[in-house]
Amino acid sequence: PMRPFYYLLLLLPSLLLFGFARYYFTSPSSPLSSPSSFSSWSTFEIKQADYLHNNNTNNKQANSNNHEDDENIGSNTTTTIIPLPPLTTLLSPNGTIISDISFLLDFAIIAFPKSGTTFLKDYLNRTNETHLHQSELCMKRDPLDVADFVRRYHALHVRYDQPRHPKTVRFGIKCPGTFYRTDDVHVYHRYFPKTKFIVGLRHPISWFESFYNYQRHRNVSGLPSDTSKLVGRCDGRHFHVCTDRGRFHAALARLGKTPMREEGELDLLLGRRYEDRRQQQQQQEQGQGQRESNRKTNTTRENNGSHHSKKHQHISSSSRRRHLAQNGLPNRVLLYQVNQIHDHRTSEELSIDLQRYLNIRQTLPPIASYRQTKTRAIDICHEEHAEARGVLVEHGADARVWMREYFLKHPSVSVVESSSFHRILDGWGVDPCLNDTILHEREV
């Protein structure tokens, strides 16, 4: 009869020991419940804690190293990695764009010809955080241009192991002259509204001389030595060399950054101010009798509906303005002057501004000044080119006023080192051949 009691006595020490062990290992007051007591943790628990700690540290480090979009800078939220979509989800077999491709192009050097675009492309390719196609890559009227770009730059994202977001490499292209072509601008409006533009500028006279000599250096035939024949619009025979292509402000207006409602702005964009002045000069060169005849003819035309033609011109420009206002590009724009590349102080500012603008972590290398020694076909300062220079100075004066009073006031437009940029811009309304202080720009 005492056997069950005997068994209970035998089990009692075991039960007490189990209860004590359970309390010691699980109670909040137990020393082993403290995270600092690593020596009492199991091997698995220690490995698991180390993994979680290291993984969190690596994630934070990766997030701090990855580039973020401008709107995410300063945010404390963890960056979500969006993987690169397959090419087949972006492009159909026949080359039609079927999805968002804006992430493929981070920036574009789409300045005007002979404004440092090749130098800037080579310079930015010196960092491992940017990649630009070695040759010019333009997306023009042909839809196949966009499809070809998508294939090339999707392959680059795969090659550099880049997700859709965030990226550690910025991808860009170089295509000078984009703003001359409406179709090119439309491509950016439709497919690349987030691409950052880098736009180079230079004095219209310096640009004209450099572009003319460049085309002659390429042995382009049919380019007249008499530059007065190149005054006005390009007619297709002179390989885009004409004074009208020095109207940089009219080309920049295609971005739709300004309202284009005031007559003053339209006069600047359409060149009405200097056109009226040129007509007056032509009349002064004609005989008195011819001037009287012109005056009578103009009066007759005005009375018979010549005003309708002027009104029609205004309607046409107004319609163009409305189109740009409705379809203005949201892209950010960074402007620089070619002269800023060659000045040691401003070249440092250019490097810093490019680094910030493109969100590059790596400090860009110093810019070494260079000077081209190509043979000149013309010296623009010779008297025989005075007519072309006179027109180009007028273009420069209009561009200077328009940029300051309209274009540069848009919040998405910025310039490299503002004080030097505006100082150089001041000279646009002056003939550098007649002003020793800015004559050196011709050597750039």
Foldseek 3Di string as FASTA:
>chain_A
DCVVVVVVVVCVVVVVVVVVVCCQCPPPPHPNVDPVPVVPDDPVVVVVVVVVVVVVVVQVVVQVLFFDPPVCPPPPDRDDFAFADDLCCQAPPVGDGNDAPQLLAAAEAAAAPPQCLLVVQVQVCVDPQEDEDNDAQADFQDSVSVSVSSVVSSVVCVVVVAGSPGGSHHYYGYHYPQLVHLRRLVCCLVHHLAYAYEYEDEQLLLVLQVVLQVCVVVVDPQADPQLVVQEDADPPRHVRRHLVVLLVQLSVCLLLLFQPPDPLLVCLNVVVVVVVVVVVVVLVVDDPVVNVVVVVVVVVCVVVCVVVVVVVVVVVSVVVSVVCNVRRRNHFYEYEYSVLLQDQVLQQLVQVVVCVVSVHPDRRDGRDHDFDDDDGPDDCLDPSNVVSLVSSLSSLVSSLVCCVVTVVVRPRYYYRPVVVRNVSSVCSNDRLSVPVVNVCSSRD
